[in-house]
PDB file of N, CA and C in Angstrom:
ATOM      1  N   MET A   1      37.449 146.719 102.713  1.00  0.00           N
ATOM      2  CA  MET A   1      37.833 145.516 103.426  1.00  0.00           C
ATOM      3  C   MET A   1      36.675 145.088 104.330  1.00  0.00           C
ATOM      4  N   GLN A   2      36.378 143.828 104.296  1.00  0.00           N
ATOM      5  CA  GLN A   2      35.270 143.314 105.086  1.00  0.00           C
ATOM      6  C   GLN A   2      35.704 143.100 106.541  1.00  0.00           C
ATOM      7  N   ALA A   3      34.810 143.439 107.449  1.00  0.00           N
ATOM      8  CA  ALA A   3      35.105 143.333 108.879  1.00  0.00           C
ATOM      9  C   ALA A   3      35.219 141.873 109.300  1.00  0.00           C
ATOM     10  N   GLU A   4      35.936 141.671 110.376  1.00  0.00           N
ATOM     11  CA  GLU A   4      35.991 140.349 110.986  1.00  0.00           C
ATOM     12  C   GLU A   4      34.596 139.985 111.476  1.00  0.00           C
ATOM     13  N   TRP A   5      34.340 138.693 111.581  1.00  0.00           N
ATOM     14  CA  TRP A   5      33.031 138.254 112.078  1.00  0.00           C
ATOM     15  C   TRP A   5      32.818 138.713 113.514  1.00  0.00           C
ATOM     16  N   LEU A   6      33.837 138.511 114.358  1.00  0.00           N
ATOM     17  CA  LEU A   6      33.686 138.792 115.783  1.00  0.00           C
ATOM     18  C   LEU A   6      34.838 139.646 116.292  1.00  0.00           C
ATOM     19  N   ASP A   7      34.532 140.514 117.228  1.00  0.00           N
ATOM     20  CA  ASP A   7      35.548 141.302 117.912  1.00  0.00           C
ATOM     21  C   ASP A   7      35.945 140.502 119.156  1.00  0.00           C
ATOM     22  N   THR A   8      36.951 139.647 119.013  1.00  0.00           N
ATOM     23  CA  THR A   8      37.308 138.731 120.101  1.00  0.00           C
ATOM     24  C   THR A   8      37.842 139.458 121.333  1.00  0.00           C
ATOM     25  N   GLU A   9      38.486 140.612 121.136  1.00  0.00           N
ATOM     26  CA  GLU A   9      38.967 141.374 122.294  1.00  0.00           C
ATOM     27  C   GLU A   9      37.789 141.886 123.118  1.00  0.00           C
ATOM     28  N   LEU A  10      36.772 142.405 122.436  1.00  0.00           N
ATOM     29  CA  LEU A  10      35.573 142.871 123.132  1.00  0.00           C
ATOM     30  C   LEU A  10      34.876 141.710 123.831  1.00  0.00           C
ATOM     31  N   LEU A  11      34.795 140.569 123.165  1.00  0.00           N
ATOM     32  CA  LEU A  11      34.134 139.410 123.773  1.00  0.00           C
ATOM     33  C   LEU A  11      34.875 138.934 125.022  1.00  0.00           C
ATOM     34  N   LYS A  12      36.198 138.980 124.990  1.00  0.00           N
ATOM     35  CA  LYS A  12      36.963 138.586 126.180  1.00  0.00           C
ATOM     36  C   LYS A  12      36.682 139.557 127.322  1.00  0.00           C
ATOM     37  N   GLU A  13      36.680 140.846 126.994  1.00  0.00           N
ATOM     38  CA  GLU A  13      36.396 141.866 128.004  1.00  0.00           C
ATOM     39  C   GLU A  13      34.984 141.691 128.571  1.00  0.00           C
ATOM     40  N   LEU A  14      34.023 141.454 127.692  1.00  0.00           N
ATOM     41  CA  LEU A  14      32.648 141.219 128.155  1.00  0.00           C
ATOM     42  C   LEU A  14      32.564 139.978 129.028  1.00  0.00           C
ATOM     43  N   GLY A  15      33.233 138.918 128.595  1.00  0.00           N
ATOM     44  CA  GLY A  15      33.227 137.678 129.375  1.00  0.00           C
ATOM     45  C   GLY A  15      33.834 137.883 130.751  1.00  0.00           C
ATOM     46  N   ASP A  16      34.914 138.662 130.811  1.00  0.00           N
ATOM     47  CA  ASP A  16      35.552 138.951 132.096  1.00  0.00           C
ATOM     48  C   ASP A  16      34.652 139.808 132.982  1.00  0.00           C
ATOM     49  N   THR A  17      33.864 140.679 132.353  1.00  0.00           N
ATOM     50  CA  THR A  17      33.020 141.612 133.095  1.00  0.00           C
ATOM     51  C   THR A  17      31.695 140.999 133.526  1.00  0.00           C
ATOM     52  N   VAL A  18      30.998 140.390 132.587  1.00  0.00           N
ATOM     53  CA  VAL A  18      29.650 139.896 132.898  1.00  0.00           C
ATOM     54  C   VAL A  18      29.570 138.383 133.043  1.00  0.00           C
ATOM     55  N   GLY A  19      30.627 137.673 132.727  1.00  0.00           N
ATOM     56  CA  GLY A  19      30.685 136.230 132.923  1.00  0.00           C
ATOM     57  C   GLY A  19      29.564 135.485 132.224  1.00  0.00           C
ATOM     58  N   GLU A  20      28.833 134.700 133.000  1.00  0.00           N
ATOM     59  CA  GLU A  20      27.786 133.841 132.458  1.00  0.00           C
ATOM     60  C   GLU A  20      26.635 134.626 131.832  1.00  0.00           C
ATOM     61  N   LEU A  21      26.472 135.881 132.220  1.00  0.00           N
ATOM     62  CA  LEU A  21      25.394 136.688 131.649  1.00  0.00           C
ATOM     63  C   LEU A  21      25.566 136.902 130.155  1.00  0.00           C
ATOM     64  N   LEU A  22      26.787 136.818 129.651  1.00  0.00           N
ATOM     65  CA  LEU A  22      27.031 137.044 128.234  1.00  0.00           C
ATOM     66  C   LEU A  22      26.238 136.047 127.390  1.00  0.00           C
ATOM     67  N   GLY A  23      26.235 134.795 127.772  1.00  0.00           N
ATOM     68  CA  GLY A  23      25.463 133.791 127.046  1.00  0.00           C
ATOM     69  C   GLY A  23      23.981 134.114 127.042  1.00  0.00           C
ATOM     70  N   LYS A  24      23.478 134.583 128.167  1.00  0.00           N
ATOM     71  CA  LYS A  24      22.063 134.955 128.252  1.00  0.00           C
ATOM     72  C   LYS A  24      21.766 136.164 127.368  1.00  0.00           C
ATOM     73  N   LEU A  25      22.707 137.104 127.318  1.00  0.00           N
ATOM     74  CA  LEU A  25      22.533 138.264 126.447  1.00  0.00           C
ATOM     75  C   LEU A  25      22.490 137.852 124.974  1.00  0.00           C
ATOM     76  N   VAL A  26      23.318 136.896 124.608  1.00  0.00           N
ATOM     77  CA  VAL A  26      23.327 136.414 123.224  1.00  0.00           C
ATOM     78  C   VAL A  26      21.993 135.760 122.880  1.00  0.00           C
ATOM     79  N   LEU A  27      21.470 134.949 123.782  1.00  0.00           N
ATOM     80  CA  LEU A  27      20.180 134.299 123.536  1.00  0.00           C
ATOM     81  C   LEU A  27      19.049 135.323 123.461  1.00  0.00           C
ATOM     82  N   LYS A  28      19.101 136.341 124.307  1.00  0.00           N
ATOM     83  CA  LYS A  28      18.096 137.408 124.269  1.00  0.00           C
ATOM     84  C   LYS A  28      18.181 138.157 122.941  1.00  0.00           C
ATOM     85  N   PHE A  29      19.389 138.460 122.502  1.00  0.00           N
ATOM     86  CA  PHE A  29      19.568 139.115 121.207  1.00  0.00           C
ATOM     87  C   PHE A  29      18.990 138.255 120.088  1.00  0.00           C
ATOM     88  N   ASP A  30      19.254 136.965 120.122  1.00  0.00           N
ATOM     89  CA  ASP A  30      18.749 136.065 119.086  1.00  0.00           C
ATOM     90  C   ASP A  30      17.219 136.075 119.066  1.00  0.00           C
ATOM     91  N   ASP A  31      16.588 136.076 120.225  1.00  0.00           N
ATOM     92  CA  ASP A  31      15.122 136.154 120.302  1.00  0.00           C
ATOM     93  C   ASP A  31      14.620 137.472 119.707  1.00  0.00           C
ATOM     94  N   GLN A  32      15.274 138.585 120.059  1.00  0.00           N
ATOM     95  CA  GLN A  32      14.874 139.895 119.545  1.00  0.00           C
ATOM     96  C   GLN A  32      15.067 139.967 118.033  1.00  0.00           C
ATOM     97  N   LEU A  33      16.139 139.378 117.564  1.00  0.00           N
ATOM     98  CA  LEU A  33      16.429 139.357 116.137  1.00  0.00           C
ATOM     99  C   LEU A  33      15.311 138.652 115.370  1.00  0.00           C
ATOM    100  N   LYS A  34      14.922 137.494 115.849  1.00  0.00           N
ATOM    101  CA  LYS A  34      13.903 136.704 115.156  1.00  0.00           C
ATOM    102  C   LYS A  34      12.510 137.325 115.248  1.00  0.00           C
ATOM    103  N   ALA A  35      12.285 138.186 116.228  1.00  0.00           N
ATOM    104  CA  ALA A  35      11.000 138.885 116.357  1.00  0.00           C
ATOM    105  C   ALA A  35      11.003 140.231 115.639  1.00  0.00           C
ATOM    106  N   SER A  36      12.146 140.634 115.095  1.00  0.00           N
ATOM    107  CA  SER A  36      12.278 141.954 114.480  1.00  0.00           C
ATOM    108  C   SER A  36      11.634 141.982 113.096  1.00  0.00           C
ATOM    109  N   PRO A  37      11.339 143.193 112.602  1.00  0.00           N
ATOM    110  CA  PRO A  37      10.795 143.325 111.254  1.00  0.00           C
ATOM    111  C   PRO A  37      11.700 142.740 110.168  1.00  0.00           C
ATOM    112  N   LEU A  38      12.977 142.589 110.464  1.00  0.00           N
ATOM    113  CA  LEU A  38      13.892 141.975 109.509  1.00  0.00           C
ATOM    114  C   LEU A  38      13.451 140.543 109.192  1.00  0.00           C
ATOM    115  N   PHE A  39      12.854 139.884 110.171  1.00  0.00           N
ATOM    116  CA  PHE A  39      12.392 138.510 109.998  1.00  0.00           C
ATOM    117  C   PHE A  39      10.884 138.417 109.801  1.00  0.00           C
ATOM    118  N   THR A  40      10.150 139.522 110.007  1.00  0.00           N
ATOM    119  CA  THR A  40       8.685 139.438 110.018  1.00  0.00           C
ATOM    120  C   THR A  40       7.976 140.417 109.101  1.00  0.00           C
ATOM    121  N   ASP A  41       8.538 140.884 108.032  1.00  0.00           N
ATOM    122  CA  ASP A  41       7.856 141.749 107.049  1.00  0.00           C
ATOM    123  C   ASP A  41       6.968 142.828 107.645  1.00  0.00           C
ATOM    124  N   HIS A  42       7.553 143.854 108.225  1.00  0.00           N
ATOM    125  CA  HIS A  42       6.802 145.008 108.709  1.00  0.00           C
ATOM    126  C   HIS A  42       7.068 146.200 107.800  1.00  0.00           C
ATOM    127  N   GLU A  43       6.444 147.316 108.118  1.00  0.00           N
ATOM    128  CA  GLU A  43       6.611 148.516 107.309  1.00  0.00           C
ATOM    129  C   GLU A  43       8.030 149.075 107.427  1.00  0.00           C
ATOM    130  N   ASN A  44       8.392 149.906 106.464  1.00  0.00           N
ATOM    131  CA  ASN A  44       9.746 150.449 106.371  1.00  0.00           C
ATOM    132  C   ASN A  44      10.178 151.203 107.624  1.00  0.00           C
ATOM    133  N   ALA A  45       9.286 151.994 108.233  1.00  0.00           N
ATOM    134  CA  ALA A  45       9.663 152.751 109.432  1.00  0.00           C
ATOM    135  C   ALA A  45      10.034 151.799 110.567  1.00  0.00           C
ATOM    136  N   ASP A  46       9.268 150.733 110.727  1.00  0.00           N
ATOM    137  CA  ASP A  46       9.585 149.733 111.744  1.00  0.00           C
ATOM    138  C   ASP A  46      10.918 149.059 111.437  1.00  0.00           C
ATOM    139  N   LEU A  47      11.139 148.755 110.172  1.00  0.00           N
ATOM    140  CA  LEU A  47      12.373 148.089 109.767  1.00  0.00           C
ATOM    141  C   LEU A  47      13.578 148.979 110.036  1.00  0.00           C
ATOM    142  N   THR A  48      13.483 150.246 109.694  1.00  0.00           N
ATOM    143  CA  THR A  48      14.604 151.168 109.890  1.00  0.00           C
ATOM    144  C   THR A  48      14.976 151.272 111.369  1.00  0.00           C
ATOM    145  N   MET A  49      13.981 151.424 112.223  1.00  0.00           N
ATOM    146  CA  MET A  49      14.258 151.511 113.662  1.00  0.00           C
ATOM    147  C   MET A  49      14.840 150.195 114.179  1.00  0.00           C
ATOM    148  N   SER A  50      14.307 149.096 113.703  1.00  0.00           N
ATOM    149  CA  SER A  50      14.810 147.791 114.120  1.00  0.00           C
ATOM    150  C   SER A  50      16.257 147.593 113.681  1.00  0.00           C
ATOM    151  N   LEU A  51      16.578 147.983 112.453  1.00  0.00           N
ATOM    152  CA  LEU A  51      17.957 147.876 111.968  1.00  0.00           C
ATOM    153  C   LEU A  51      18.897 148.681 112.849  1.00  0.00           C
ATOM    154  N   HIS A  52      18.458 149.868 113.243  1.00  0.00           N
ATOM    155  CA  HIS A  52      19.266 150.725 114.116  1.00  0.00           C
ATOM    156  C   HIS A  52      19.545 150.031 115.456  1.00  0.00           C
ATOM    157  N   LYS A  53      18.497 149.509 116.069  1.00  0.00           N
ATOM    158  CA  LYS A  53      18.656 148.846 117.369  1.00  0.00           C
ATOM    159  C   LYS A  53      19.513 147.590 117.261  1.00  0.00           C
ATOM    160  N   LEU A  54      19.257 146.792 116.222  1.00  0.00           N
ATOM    161  CA  LEU A  54      20.017 145.555 116.048  1.00  0.00           C
ATOM    162  C   LEU A  54      21.487 145.835 115.747  1.00  0.00           C
ATOM    163  N   ALA A  55      21.766 146.906 115.008  1.00  0.00           N
ATOM    164  CA  ALA A  55      23.160 147.264 114.716  1.00  0.00           C
ATOM    165  C   ALA A  55      23.900 147.597 116.002  1.00  0.00           C
ATOM    166  N   GLY A  56      23.259 148.372 116.879  1.00  0.00           N
ATOM    167  CA  GLY A  56      23.883 148.712 118.160  1.00  0.00           C
ATOM    168  C   GLY A  56      24.084 147.496 119.042  1.00  0.00           C
ATOM    169  N   SER A  57      23.081 146.646 119.107  1.00  0.00           N
ATOM    170  CA  SER A  57      23.201 145.429 119.922  1.00  0.00           C
ATOM    171  C   SER A  57      24.273 144.501 119.368  1.00  0.00           C
ATOM    172  N   SER A  58      24.323 144.381 118.048  1.00  0.00           N
ATOM    173  CA  SER A  58      25.343 143.531 117.416  1.00  0.00           C
ATOM    174  C   SER A  58      26.745 144.027 117.749  1.00  0.00           C
ATOM    175  N   ALA A  59      26.936 145.336 117.654  1.00  0.00           N
ATOM    176  CA  ALA A  59      28.243 145.911 117.971  1.00  0.00           C
ATOM    177  C   ALA A  59      28.588 145.677 119.441  1.00  0.00           C
ATOM    178  N   SER A  60      27.601 145.833 120.319  1.00  0.00           N
ATOM    179  CA  SER A  60      27.831 145.634 121.754  1.00  0.00           C
ATOM    180  C   SER A  60      28.197 144.193 122.086  1.00  0.00           C
ATOM    181  N   LEU A  61      27.713 143.252 121.270  1.00  0.00           N
ATOM    182  CA  LEU A  61      28.012 141.836 121.493  1.00  0.00           C
ATOM    183  C   LEU A  61      29.206 141.356 120.674  1.00  0.00           C
ATOM    184  N   GLY A  62      29.886 142.299 120.004  1.00  0.00           N
ATOM    185  CA  GLY A  62      31.115 141.945 119.295  1.00  0.00           C
ATOM    186  C   GLY A  62      30.909 141.347 117.912  1.00  0.00           C
ATOM    187  N   MET A  63      29.699 141.416 117.364  1.00  0.00           N
ATOM    188  CA  MET A  63      29.433 140.868 116.027  1.00  0.00           C
ATOM    189  C   MET A  63      29.669 141.972 114.994  1.00  0.00           C
ATOM    190  N   THR A  64      30.926 142.217 114.721  1.00  0.00           N
ATOM    191  CA  THR A  64      31.378 143.345 113.927  1.00  0.00           C
ATOM    192  C   THR A  64      30.803 143.354 112.513  1.00  0.00           C
ATOM    193  N   ARG A  65      30.913 142.241 111.819  1.00  0.00           N
ATOM    194  CA  ARG A  65      30.459 142.191 110.430  1.00  0.00           C
ATOM    195  C   ARG A  65      28.955 142.441 110.344  1.00  0.00           C
ATOM    196  N   LEU A  66      28.202 141.838 111.245  1.00  0.00           N
ATOM    197  CA  LEU A  66      26.756 142.034 111.262  1.00  0.00           C
ATOM    198  C   LEU A  66      26.412 143.480 111.582  1.00  0.00           C
ATOM    199  N   ALA A  67      27.079 144.061 112.565  1.00  0.00           N
ATOM    200  CA  ALA A  67      26.803 145.450 112.942  1.00  0.00           C
ATOM    201  C   ALA A  67      27.020 146.394 111.764  1.00  0.00           C
ATOM    202  N   GLU A  68      28.107 146.199 111.026  1.00  0.00           N
ATOM    203  CA  GLU A  68      28.384 147.064 109.878  1.00  0.00           C
ATOM    204  C   GLU A  68      27.341 146.885 108.783  1.00  0.00           C
ATOM    205  N   ALA A  69      26.937 145.656 108.521  1.00  0.00           N
ATOM    206  CA  ALA A  69      25.927 145.398 107.485  1.00  0.00           C
ATOM    207  C   ALA A  69      24.576 145.987 107.880  1.00  0.00           C
ATOM    208  N   LEU A  70      24.212 145.862 109.153  1.00  0.00           N
ATOM    209  CA  LEU A  70      22.939 146.410 109.618  1.00  0.00           C
ATOM    210  C   LEU A  70      22.942 147.938 109.567  1.00  0.00           C
ATOM    211  N   LYS A  71      24.054 148.559 109.917  1.00  0.00           N
ATOM    212  CA  LYS A  71      24.166 150.021 109.851  1.00  0.00           C
ATOM    213  C   LYS A  71      24.042 150.507 108.405  1.00  0.00           C
ATOM    214  N   LYS A  72      24.694 149.796 107.493  1.00  0.00           N
ATOM    215  CA  LYS A  72      24.589 150.147 106.073  1.00  0.00           C
ATOM    216  C   LYS A  72      23.142 149.993 105.604  1.00  0.00           C
ATOM    217  N   ALA A  73      22.495 148.910 105.997  1.00  0.00           N
ATOM    218  CA  ALA A  73      21.096 148.687 105.613  1.00  0.00           C
ATOM    219  C   ALA A  73      20.184 149.748 106.224  1.00  0.00           C
ATOM    220  N   GLU A  74      20.470 150.147 107.454  1.00  0.00           N
ATOM    221  CA  GLU A  74      19.687 151.214 108.092  1.00  0.00           C
ATOM    222  C   GLU A  74      19.774 152.497 107.267  1.00  0.00           C
ATOM    223  N   ASN A  75      20.980 152.859 106.852  1.00  0.00           N
ATOM    224  CA  ASN A  75      21.170 154.068 106.047  1.00  0.00           C
ATOM    225  C   ASN A  75      20.439 153.958 104.706  1.00  0.00           C
ATOM    226  N   GLN A  76      20.491 152.779 104.088  1.00  0.00           N
ATOM    227  CA  GLN A  76      19.782 152.560 102.833  1.00  0.00           C
ATOM    228  C   GLN A  76      18.275 152.685 103.042  1.00  0.00           C
ATOM    229  N   SER A  77      17.787 152.111 104.132  1.00  0.00           N
ATOM    230  CA  SER A  77      16.362 152.155 104.432  1.00  0.00           C
ATOM    231  C   SER A  77      15.901 153.594 104.666  1.00  0.00           C
ATOM    232  N   ARG A  78      16.697 154.362 105.402  1.00  0.00           N
ATOM    233  CA  ARG A  78      16.367 155.771 105.651  1.00  0.00           C
ATOM    234  C   ARG A  78      16.317 156.573 104.346  1.00  0.00           C
ATOM    235  N   ALA A  79      17.173 156.198 103.411  1.00  0.00           N
ATOM    236  CA  ALA A  79      17.219 156.894 102.128  1.00  0.00           C
ATOM    237  C   ALA A  79      16.111 156.424 101.180  1.00  0.00           C
ATOM    238  N   GLY A  80      15.350 155.436 101.609  1.00  0.00           N
ATOM    239  CA  GLY A  80      14.276 154.921 100.763  1.00  0.00           C
ATOM    240  C   GLY A  80      14.737 153.873  99.775  1.00  0.00           C
ATOM    241  N   ASP A  81      15.988 153.447  99.893  1.00  0.00           N
ATOM    242  CA  ASP A  81      16.522 152.412  99.005  1.00  0.00           C
ATOM    243  C   ASP A  81      16.088 151.033  99.501  1.00  0.00           C
ATOM    244  N   GLU A  82      16.031 150.102  98.580  1.00  0.00           N
ATOM    245  CA  GLU A  82      15.688 148.738  98.962  1.00  0.00           C
ATOM    246  C   GLU A  82      16.896 148.072  99.612  1.00  0.00           C
ATOM    247  N   ILE A  83      16.598 147.200 100.548  1.00  0.00           N
ATOM    248  CA  ILE A  83      17.649 146.406 101.180  1.00  0.00           C
ATOM    249  C   ILE A  83      17.360 144.942 100.881  1.00  0.00           C
ATOM    250  N   ASP A  84      18.323 144.105 101.145  1.00  0.00           N
ATOM    251  CA  ASP A  84      18.168 142.667 100.909  1.00  0.00           C
ATOM    252  C   ASP A  84      17.978 141.976 102.258  1.00  0.00           C
ATOM    253  N   PRO A  85      16.722 141.823 102.705  1.00  0.00           N
ATOM    254  CA  PRO A  85      16.505 141.224 104.018  1.00  0.00           C
ATOM    255  C   PRO A  85      16.979 139.773 104.101  1.00  0.00           C
ATOM    256  N   ARG A  86      16.921 139.054 102.980  1.00  0.00           N
ATOM    257  CA  ARG A  86      17.371 137.652 103.014  1.00  0.00           C
ATOM    258  C   ARG A  86      18.860 137.579 103.353  1.00  0.00           C
ATOM    259  N   PHE A  87      19.658 138.429 102.714  1.00  0.00           N
ATOM    260  CA  PHE A  87      21.091 138.467 103.005  1.00  0.00           C
ATOM    261  C   PHE A  87      21.328 138.808 104.482  1.00  0.00           C
ATOM    262  N   LEU A  88      20.603 139.806 104.994  1.00  0.00           N
ATOM    263  CA  LEU A  88      20.782 140.213 106.386  1.00  0.00           C
ATOM    264  C   LEU A  88      20.348 139.118 107.350  1.00  0.00           C
ATOM    265  N   ARG A  89      19.267 138.427 107.039  1.00  0.00           N
ATOM    266  CA  ARG A  89      18.829 137.311 107.902  1.00  0.00           C
ATOM    267  C   ARG A  89      19.884 136.218 107.935  1.00  0.00           C
ATOM    268  N   GLU A  90      20.434 135.882 106.756  1.00  0.00           N
ATOM    269  CA  GLU A  90      21.474 134.850 106.700  1.00  0.00           C
ATOM    270  C   GLU A  90      22.726 135.288 107.455  1.00  0.00           C
ATOM    271  N   LEU A  91      23.120 136.542 107.277  1.00  0.00           N
ATOM    272  CA  LEU A  91      24.290 137.079 107.971  1.00  0.00           C
ATOM    273  C   LEU A  91      24.064 137.083 109.481  1.00  0.00           C
ATOM    274  N   ALA A  92      22.876 137.476 109.903  1.00  0.00           N
ATOM    275  CA  ALA A  92      22.556 137.500 111.335  1.00  0.00           C
ATOM    276  C   ALA A  92      22.581 136.101 111.922  1.00  0.00           C
ATOM    277  N   THR A  93      21.976 135.169 111.233  1.00  0.00           N
ATOM    278  CA  THR A  93      21.943 133.787 111.714  1.00  0.00           C
ATOM    279  C   THR A  93      23.356 133.227 111.841  1.00  0.00           C
ATOM    280  N   GLU A  94      24.185 133.467 110.833  1.00  0.00           N
ATOM    281  CA  GLU A  94      25.564 132.977 110.863  1.00  0.00           C
ATOM    282  C   GLU A  94      26.379 133.685 111.947  1.00  0.00           C
ATOM    283  N   SER A  95      26.156 134.973 112.134  1.00  0.00           N
ATOM    284  CA  SER A  95      26.890 135.716 113.164  1.00  0.00           C
ATOM    285  C   SER A  95      26.569 135.195 114.557  1.00  0.00           C
ATOM    286  N   VAL A  96      25.294 134.968 114.827  1.00  0.00           N
ATOM    287  CA  VAL A  96      24.901 134.436 116.133  1.00  0.00           C
ATOM    288  C   VAL A  96      25.484 133.034 116.315  1.00  0.00           C
ATOM    289  N   ARG A  97      25.443 132.226 115.260  1.00  0.00           N
ATOM    290  CA  ARG A  97      26.011 130.879 115.349  1.00  0.00           C
ATOM    291  C   ARG A  97      27.504 130.943 115.682  1.00  0.00           C
ATOM    292  N   ARG A  98      28.223 131.811 114.982  1.00  0.00           N
ATOM    293  CA  ARG A  98      29.662 131.943 115.235  1.00  0.00           C
ATOM    294  C   ARG A  98      29.938 132.448 116.652  1.00  0.00           C
ATOM    295  N   LEU A  99      29.115 133.365 117.115  1.00  0.00           N
ATOM    296  CA  LEU A  99      29.290 133.882 118.467  1.00  0.00           C
ATOM    297  C   LEU A  99      29.066 132.779 119.497  1.00  0.00           C
ATOM    298  N   ILE A 100      28.035 131.990 119.314  1.00  0.00           N
ATOM    299  CA  ILE A 100      27.764 130.890 120.253  1.00  0.00           C
ATOM    300  C   ILE A 100      28.899 129.880 120.241  1.00  0.00           C
ATOM    301  N   VAL A 101      29.414 129.546 119.054  1.00  0.00           N
ATOM    302  CA  VAL A 101      30.550 128.614 118.969  1.00  0.00           C
ATOM    303  C   VAL A 101      31.764 129.216 119.667  1.00  0.00           C
ATOM    304  N   HIS A 102      32.008 130.506 119.447  1.00  0.00           N
ATOM    305  CA  HIS A 102      33.143 131.171 120.098  1.00  0.00           C
ATOM    306  C   HIS A 102      33.007 131.114 121.622  1.00  0.00           C
ATOM    307  N   LEU A 103      31.824 131.433 122.110  1.00  0.00           N
ATOM    308  CA  LEU A 103      31.609 131.410 123.559  1.00  0.00           C
ATOM    309  C   LEU A 103      31.724 129.994 124.110  1.00  0.00           C
ATOM    310  N   ASP A 104      31.247 129.024 123.347  1.00  0.00           N
ATOM    311  CA  ASP A 104      31.348 127.631 123.757  1.00  0.00           C
ATOM    312  C   ASP A 104      32.814 127.225 123.902  1.00  0.00           C
ATOM    313  N   HIS A 105      33.649 127.623 122.952  1.00  0.00           N
ATOM    314  CA  HIS A 105      35.079 127.311 123.019  1.00  0.00           C
ATOM    315  C   HIS A 105      35.769 128.063 124.156  1.00  0.00           C
ATOM    316  N   GLN A 106      35.318 129.291 124.368  1.00  0.00           N
ATOM    317  CA  GLN A 106      35.940 130.135 125.401  1.00  0.00           C
ATOM    318  C   GLN A 106      35.595 129.643 126.801  1.00  0.00           C
ATOM    319  N   THR A 107      34.347 129.243 127.003  1.00  0.00           N
ATOM    320  CA  THR A 107      33.902 128.881 128.349  1.00  0.00           C
ATOM    321  C   THR A 107      33.733 127.384 128.568  1.00  0.00           C
ATOM    322  N   GLY A 108      33.666 126.637 127.464  1.00  0.00           N
ATOM    323  CA  GLY A 108      33.473 125.198 127.594  1.00  0.00           C
ATOM    324  C   GLY A 108      32.014 124.795 127.725  1.00  0.00           C
ATOM    325  N   GLU A 109      31.093 125.765 127.654  1.00  0.00           N
ATOM    326  CA  GLU A 109      29.665 125.440 127.707  1.00  0.00           C
ATOM    327  C   GLU A 109      28.889 126.401 126.824  1.00  0.00           C
ATOM    328  N   SER A 110      27.804 125.901 126.239  1.00  0.00           N
ATOM    329  CA  SER A 110      26.975 126.719 125.351  1.00  0.00           C
ATOM    330  C   SER A 110      26.077 127.635 126.163  1.00  0.00           C
ATOM    331  N   PRO A 111      25.743 128.805 125.574  1.00  0.00           N
ATOM    332  CA  PRO A 111      24.818 129.705 126.278  1.00  0.00           C
ATOM    333  C   PRO A 111      23.428 129.091 126.360  1.00  0.00           C
TER     334      PRO A 111
END
């Protein structure tokens, strides 16, 4: 079964805890994502570590589907298997977009 795009309960809890900082965290994550080896063709060791970090950050920001896909890709990368970076880039881009739309609806303003 495929995971939900967003963990809305976690996002509500984060919003209640960190308030406006959540939007800034999402933008920071998006910047880190676009600078990662997933988007910039680096060596496999760099990619594996980046996948690990991005999976944790995605989970922390409630992007469940992305976190699971990145964790699976990390395991594949560690095993020396090929991954599909295009699919992961598209999934990441869509996940961040959905998160921003969710936060916009929740707070009434974009991050």
